[in-house]
């Protein structure tokens, strides 16, 4: 969710984050496809860790990230 390229982490709004993920995934991947893939990863993560850990993660992100967990 954050990228540590410099001393300070970069936390984007959800649209910037999805554009960055699409760029990392490579040519031909758009933010809509990145959203699908991010949601799949977060759903898998939600099954692997406790509800409390997911709540903690969600509380540290802007509200726009919420739908990615559903």
Protein backbone atom coordinates (compact mmCIF):
# COMPACT_ATOMS: atom_id res chain seq x y z
CA UNK A 1 0.00 0.00 0.00
CA UNK A 2 2.96 2.24 0.48
CA UNK A 3 6.14 2.47 -1.50
CA UNK A 4 9.45 3.13 0.19
CA UNK A 5 11.53 4.67 -2.56
CA UNK A 6 12.70 7.61 -0.51
CA UNK A 7 12.98 8.30 3.20
CA UNK A 8 9.26 9.05 3.40
CA UNK A 9 6.62 6.50 2.35
CA UNK A 10 4.23 7.43 -0.44
CA UNK A 11 0.56 6.92 0.38
CA UNK A 12 -1.68 7.63 -2.58
CA UNK A 13 -5.39 8.02 -2.85
CA UNK A 14 -6.93 4.85 -4.24
CA UNK A 15 -6.87 6.03 -7.86
CA UNK A 16 -3.17 6.95 -7.72
CA UNK A 17 -2.46 3.65 -5.98
CA UNK A 18 -4.26 1.66 -8.69
CA UNK A 19 -2.43 3.55 -11.44
CA UNK A 20 0.88 2.76 -9.71
CA UNK A 21 -0.06 -0.93 -9.37
CA UNK A 22 -1.05 -1.03 -13.06
CA UNK A 23 2.34 0.45 -13.96
CA UNK A 24 4.11 -2.18 -11.84
CA UNK A 25 2.08 -4.99 -13.44
CA UNK A 26 3.25 -3.94 -16.87
CA UNK A 27 2.12 -2.77 -20.25
CA UNK A 28 -1.49 -3.46 -21.09
CA UNK A 29 -2.67 -3.39 -17.48
CA UNK A 30 -5.07 -0.58 -16.73
CA UNK A 31 -6.26 0.64 -13.31
CA UNK A 32 -9.52 -1.33 -13.63
CA UNK A 33 -7.59 -4.60 -14.03
CA UNK A 34 -5.26 -3.54 -11.21
CA UNK A 35 -8.34 -3.00 -9.00
CA UNK A 36 -9.50 -6.57 -9.68
CA UNK A 37 -6.09 -7.97 -8.84
CA UNK A 38 -5.63 -5.84 -5.71
CA UNK A 39 -9.11 -6.84 -4.48
CA UNK A 40 -8.22 -10.52 -4.99
CA UNK A 41 -5.02 -10.12 -2.97
CA UNK A 42 -6.82 -8.28 -0.16
CA UNK A 43 -9.60 -10.89 -0.09
CA UNK A 44 -7.00 -13.64 0.21
CA UNK A 45 -5.22 -11.68 2.93
CA UNK A 46 -8.52 -11.24 4.78
CA UNK A 47 -8.87 -15.04 4.91
CA UNK A 48 -5.30 -15.49 6.14
CA UNK A 49 -5.17 -13.02 9.03
CA UNK A 50 -7.50 -12.06 11.84
CA UNK A 51 -10.36 -9.57 11.48
CA UNK A 52 -8.53 -7.35 13.97
CA UNK A 53 -5.45 -7.21 11.76
CA UNK A 54 -7.56 -6.32 8.73
CA UNK A 55 -9.36 -3.64 10.74
CA UNK A 56 -6.00 -2.25 11.83
CA UNK A 57 -4.79 -2.14 8.22
CA UNK A 58 -7.99 -0.51 7.00
CA UNK A 59 -7.86 2.12 9.76
CA UNK A 60 -4.46 3.26 8.49
CA UNK A 61 -5.64 3.82 4.92
CA UNK A 62 -7.79 6.57 3.39
CA UNK A 63 -11.51 5.70 3.22
CA UNK A 64 -11.33 5.22 -0.58
CA UNK A 65 -9.44 1.95 -0.07
CA UNK A 66 -12.41 0.35 1.73
CA UNK A 67 -14.13 -1.08 -1.35
CA UNK A 68 -10.95 -2.96 -2.27
CA UNK A 69 -11.49 -5.15 0.80
CA UNK A 70 -15.01 -6.23 -0.24
